[in-house]
Amino acid sequence: MSRRIRISNLLAILSLLGLLALIFSWIIWFVTPPHWPRPLLILLAALPLALPLRGMLYRRYRSHLLAAYLSLLYALHGGSELWVAERLWLPLLEVVLALSLFFSCALFVRFSRNENPELR
């Protein structure tokens, strides 16, 4: 396993965990949801991010692909929240973490495909 693959995997995992922590803290401490119960919001917001985590820890190719696709939804959510949010740093941090997750997963997929020709 090359150094580039390990670094991109580590950056992807850290970005995913940071995005999960941001989603939890956003729902629990910073924004009180008026019409939805908090556990349901946490389930809807955090569960899709938690699904590829186990595969990413084992450096699985398809888990990184799934995480990259899911991160685009969170980047869109953060971009739409930038227009209406009172605190601008929360959605800005969500966009930065989601794009960091996307690019680190894309680099992992590219580097691992170059190392394993049967993944092509």
Protein backbone atom coordinates (compact mmCIF):
# COMPACT_ATOMS: atom_id res chain seq x y z
CA MET A 1 0.00 0.00 0.00
CA SER A 2 1.54 3.24 -1.11
CA ARG A 3 1.91 6.34 1.01
CA ARG A 4 -0.49 8.34 -1.20
CA ILE A 5 -3.28 5.83 -0.59
CA ARG A 6 -2.75 5.87 3.18
CA ILE A 7 -2.73 9.67 3.34
CA SER A 8 -5.85 10.07 1.20
CA ASN A 9 -7.63 7.38 3.25
CA LEU A 10 -6.69 9.10 6.51
CA LEU A 11 -7.84 12.47 5.21
CA ALA A 12 -11.13 10.95 4.04
CA ILE A 13 -11.78 9.32 7.42
CA LEU A 14 -10.94 12.52 9.31
CA SER A 15 -13.20 14.55 7.02
CA LEU A 16 -16.04 12.07 7.50
CA LEU A 17 -15.67 12.08 11.28
CA GLY A 18 -15.48 15.87 11.30
CA LEU A 19 -18.64 16.10 9.20
CA LEU A 20 -20.40 13.66 11.53
CA ALA A 21 -19.35 15.69 14.57
CA LEU A 22 -20.54 18.89 12.91
CA ILE A 23 -23.94 17.38 12.07
CA PHE A 24 -24.39 16.12 15.64
CA SER A 25 -23.36 19.41 17.22
CA TRP A 26 -25.44 21.43 14.76
CA ILE A 27 -28.62 19.53 15.62
CA ILE A 28 -28.01 19.13 19.35
CA TRP A 29 -26.50 22.46 20.43
CA PHE A 30 -26.62 25.17 17.83
CA VAL A 31 -30.00 24.97 16.08
CA THR A 32 -33.20 23.92 17.78
CA PRO A 33 -35.54 22.26 15.29
CA PRO A 34 -39.05 23.71 15.63
CA HIS A 35 -41.22 20.95 14.15
CA TRP A 36 -39.07 17.82 14.06
CA PRO A 37 -37.86 15.71 16.98
CA ARG A 38 -34.10 15.77 17.42
CA PRO A 39 -33.52 11.99 17.31
CA LEU A 40 -35.26 11.76 13.95
CA LEU A 41 -33.15 14.60 12.54
CA ILE A 42 -29.97 13.00 13.82
CA LEU A 43 -31.02 9.69 12.28
CA LEU A 44 -31.81 11.28 8.91
CA ALA A 45 -28.69 13.46 8.83
CA ALA A 46 -26.01 11.24 10.36
CA LEU A 47 -26.98 7.72 9.33
CA PRO A 48 -26.08 8.13 5.63
CA LEU A 49 -22.61 9.31 6.67
CA ALA A 50 -22.14 6.42 9.07
CA LEU A 51 -22.86 3.76 6.45
CA PRO A 52 -19.55 3.89 4.52
CA LEU A 53 -17.39 4.38 7.63
CA ARG A 54 -16.65 0.70 8.28
CA GLY A 55 -15.60 0.09 4.70
CA MET A 56 -13.43 3.19 4.72
CA LEU A 57 -11.63 1.94 7.81
CA TYR A 58 -10.82 -1.25 5.90
CA ARG A 59 -9.78 0.77 2.80
CA ARG A 60 -12.53 -0.54 0.57
CA TYR A 61 -12.84 1.02 -2.86
CA ARG A 62 -16.66 1.13 -3.08
CA SER A 63 -17.10 2.61 0.37
CA HIS A 64 -15.00 5.57 -0.69
CA LEU A 65 -17.13 5.93 -3.81
CA LEU A 66 -20.32 5.93 -1.72
CA ALA A 67 -18.86 8.47 0.70
CA ALA A 68 -17.84 10.72 -2.19
CA TYR A 69 -21.35 10.68 -3.64
CA LEU A 70 -22.94 11.30 -0.24
CA SER A 71 -20.58 14.18 0.48
CA LEU A 72 -21.98 16.08 -2.49
CA LEU A 73 -25.42 16.08 -0.84
CA TYR A 74 -23.93 17.59 2.30
CA ALA A 75 -22.08 20.20 0.24
CA LEU A 76 -25.39 21.15 -1.39
CA HIS A 77 -27.07 21.32 2.02
CA GLY A 78 -24.32 23.57 3.36
CA GLY A 79 -24.50 25.79 0.29
CA SER A 80 -28.24 26.23 0.64
CA GLU A 81 -27.89 26.93 4.36
CA LEU A 82 -25.38 29.67 3.61
CA TRP A 83 -28.21 31.75 2.14
CA VAL A 84 -30.53 31.53 5.15
CA ALA A 85 -28.36 30.79 8.20
CA GLU A 86 -27.82 33.20 11.06
CA ARG A 87 -24.45 31.68 11.87
CA LEU A 88 -22.42 31.56 8.69
CA TRP A 89 -19.57 29.48 10.09
CA LEU A 90 -21.68 26.32 10.50
CA PRO A 91 -22.69 25.90 6.85
CA LEU A 92 -19.30 27.12 5.66
CA LEU A 93 -17.60 24.46 7.75
CA GLU A 94 -20.04 21.87 6.38
CA VAL A 95 -19.17 22.82 2.80
CA VAL A 96 -15.43 22.71 3.51
CA LEU A 97 -15.63 19.32 5.23
CA ALA A 98 -17.90 17.85 2.55
CA LEU A 99 -15.63 19.00 -0.27
CA SER A 100 -12.59 17.76 1.61
CA LEU A 101 -14.29 14.38 1.95
CA PHE A 102 -15.17 14.34 -1.73
CA PHE A 103 -11.69 15.17 -2.99
CA SER A 104 -9.88 12.86 -0.58
CA CYS A 105 -12.19 9.98 -1.56
CA ALA A 106 -11.66 10.78 -5.23
CA LEU A 107 -7.89 10.73 -4.72
CA PHE A 108 -8.12 7.43 -2.85
CA VAL A 109 -10.11 5.86 -5.68
CA ARG A 110 -7.70 7.19 -8.30
CA PHE A 111 -4.57 6.06 -6.46
CA SER A 112 -5.97 2.63 -5.63
CA ARG A 113 -7.09 2.10 -9.23
CA ASN A 114 -3.58 2.94 -10.43
CA GLU A 115 -2.11 0.41 -8.00
CA ASN A 116 -4.67 -2.38 -8.67
CA PRO A 117 -5.31 -2.83 -12.39
CA GLU A 118 -8.20 -5.28 -11.82
CA LEU A 119 -10.30 -2.46 -10.30
CA ARG A 120 -10.55 -0.78 -13.69
